[in-house]
Amino acid sequence: MRFSELAGKEIISLDEGARLGVISETDLVIDTETGTIRSLIVPNRGTFFRRRILVLPFQGIKKIGHDLIIVDLSTIEDEEHYLKELNLE
């Protein structure tokens, strides 16, 4: 599947049915050796002064439909550990 096919789809939580964001607002982490998507980085509402970032492994995607992507939030990776690993903090 190409990124252009994912662009514009809404990301919905499987458990809560809550809208988490849109693919055009997210970043993809791609494994350069295999060319596969490792995870989605979804900006999400957090506390008053700080936005929360959801790091969703590709295995957490349960279904890709015509207009939306359903994800399992129980697979979310730790944001701080992930940012340290990428040296983005």
Protein backbone atom coordinates (compact mmCIF):
# COMPACT_ATOMS: atom_id res chain seq x y z
CA MET A 1 0.00 0.00 0.00
CA ARG A 2 1.32 3.44 -0.88
CA PHE A 3 1.35 6.41 1.46
CA SER A 4 -0.85 8.29 -1.00
CA GLU A 5 -3.53 5.63 -0.45
CA LEU A 6 -3.36 6.20 3.33
CA ALA A 7 -3.36 10.01 3.19
CA GLY A 8 -6.54 11.61 4.49
CA LYS A 9 -7.81 8.55 6.36
CA GLU A 10 -8.95 9.11 9.95
CA ILE A 11 -7.33 7.08 12.72
CA ILE A 12 -9.94 5.64 15.11
CA SER A 13 -9.37 3.82 18.42
CA LEU A 14 -10.79 0.28 18.48
CA ASP A 15 -11.75 0.37 22.17
CA GLU A 16 -13.04 3.91 22.59
CA GLY A 17 -14.16 4.72 19.05
CA ALA A 18 -12.37 8.05 19.50
CA ARG A 19 -10.82 9.98 16.63
CA LEU A 20 -7.05 10.15 17.15
CA GLY A 21 -6.02 12.08 14.07
CA VAL A 22 -5.63 11.96 10.32
CA ILE A 23 -2.83 10.22 8.44
CA SER A 24 -1.79 13.50 6.78
CA GLU A 25 -1.00 14.85 10.28
CA THR A 26 1.12 11.84 11.25
CA ASP A 27 4.67 10.72 10.60
CA LEU A 28 5.67 7.28 9.43
CA VAL A 29 8.74 5.48 10.74
CA ILE A 30 10.06 3.31 7.94
CA ASP A 31 12.66 0.56 8.23
CA THR A 32 15.14 1.60 5.52
CA GLU A 33 16.54 -1.90 5.14
CA THR A 34 13.24 -3.63 4.40
CA GLY A 35 11.10 -0.68 3.25
CA THR A 36 8.33 -1.60 5.69
CA ILE A 37 6.45 0.77 7.99
CA ARG A 38 7.57 0.29 11.62
CA SER A 39 5.14 2.67 13.28
CA LEU A 40 2.92 5.72 13.04
CA ILE A 41 3.64 8.78 15.16
CA VAL A 42 0.30 10.45 15.83
CA PRO A 43 0.13 13.90 17.46
CA ASN A 44 -2.70 13.84 19.97
CA ARG A 45 -4.20 16.18 22.53
CA GLY A 46 -2.38 15.91 25.83
CA THR A 47 -2.20 18.17 28.85
CA PHE A 48 -2.79 21.91 28.69
CA PHE A 49 0.81 22.89 27.86
CA ARG A 50 2.14 19.75 26.19
CA ARG A 51 0.87 17.77 23.24
CA ARG A 52 0.98 14.05 23.65
CA ILE A 53 2.50 11.88 20.94
CA LEU A 54 1.15 8.39 20.30
CA VAL A 55 3.70 5.95 18.89
CA LEU A 56 1.65 3.20 17.31
CA PRO A 57 3.46 0.12 15.97
CA PHE A 58 2.23 -1.08 12.58
CA GLN A 59 1.02 -4.29 14.26
CA GLY A 60 -1.48 -2.12 16.18
CA ILE A 61 -3.39 -1.37 12.99
CA LYS A 62 -6.37 -3.70 12.98
CA LYS A 63 -8.22 -2.63 9.83
CA ILE A 64 -7.68 -0.21 6.96
CA GLY A 65 -10.97 0.83 5.41
CA HIS A 66 -12.00 3.22 2.67
CA ASP A 67 -12.18 6.30 4.94
CA LEU A 68 -10.58 5.26 8.23
CA ILE A 69 -7.97 3.15 9.98
CA ILE A 70 -8.91 1.27 13.14
CA VAL A 71 -6.09 0.87 15.68
CA ASP A 72 -5.60 -0.95 18.98
CA LEU A 73 -4.29 1.50 21.60
CA SER A 74 -3.05 -1.31 23.85
CA THR A 75 -0.06 -1.69 21.48
CA ILE A 76 1.20 1.89 21.95
CA GLU A 77 4.92 2.21 22.63
CA ASP A 78 6.37 4.44 25.35
CA GLU A 79 6.79 7.94 23.85
CA GLU A 80 9.82 9.02 25.90
CA HIS A 81 11.74 5.80 25.28
CA TYR A 82 10.95 5.98 21.58
CA LEU A 83 12.08 9.61 21.23
CA LYS A 84 15.33 8.83 23.06
CA GLU A 85 15.91 5.94 20.68
CA LEU A 86 15.51 8.31 17.71
CA ASN A 87 17.42 11.14 19.45
CA LEU A 88 14.47 13.52 18.97
CA GLU A 89 13.95 14.57 22.56
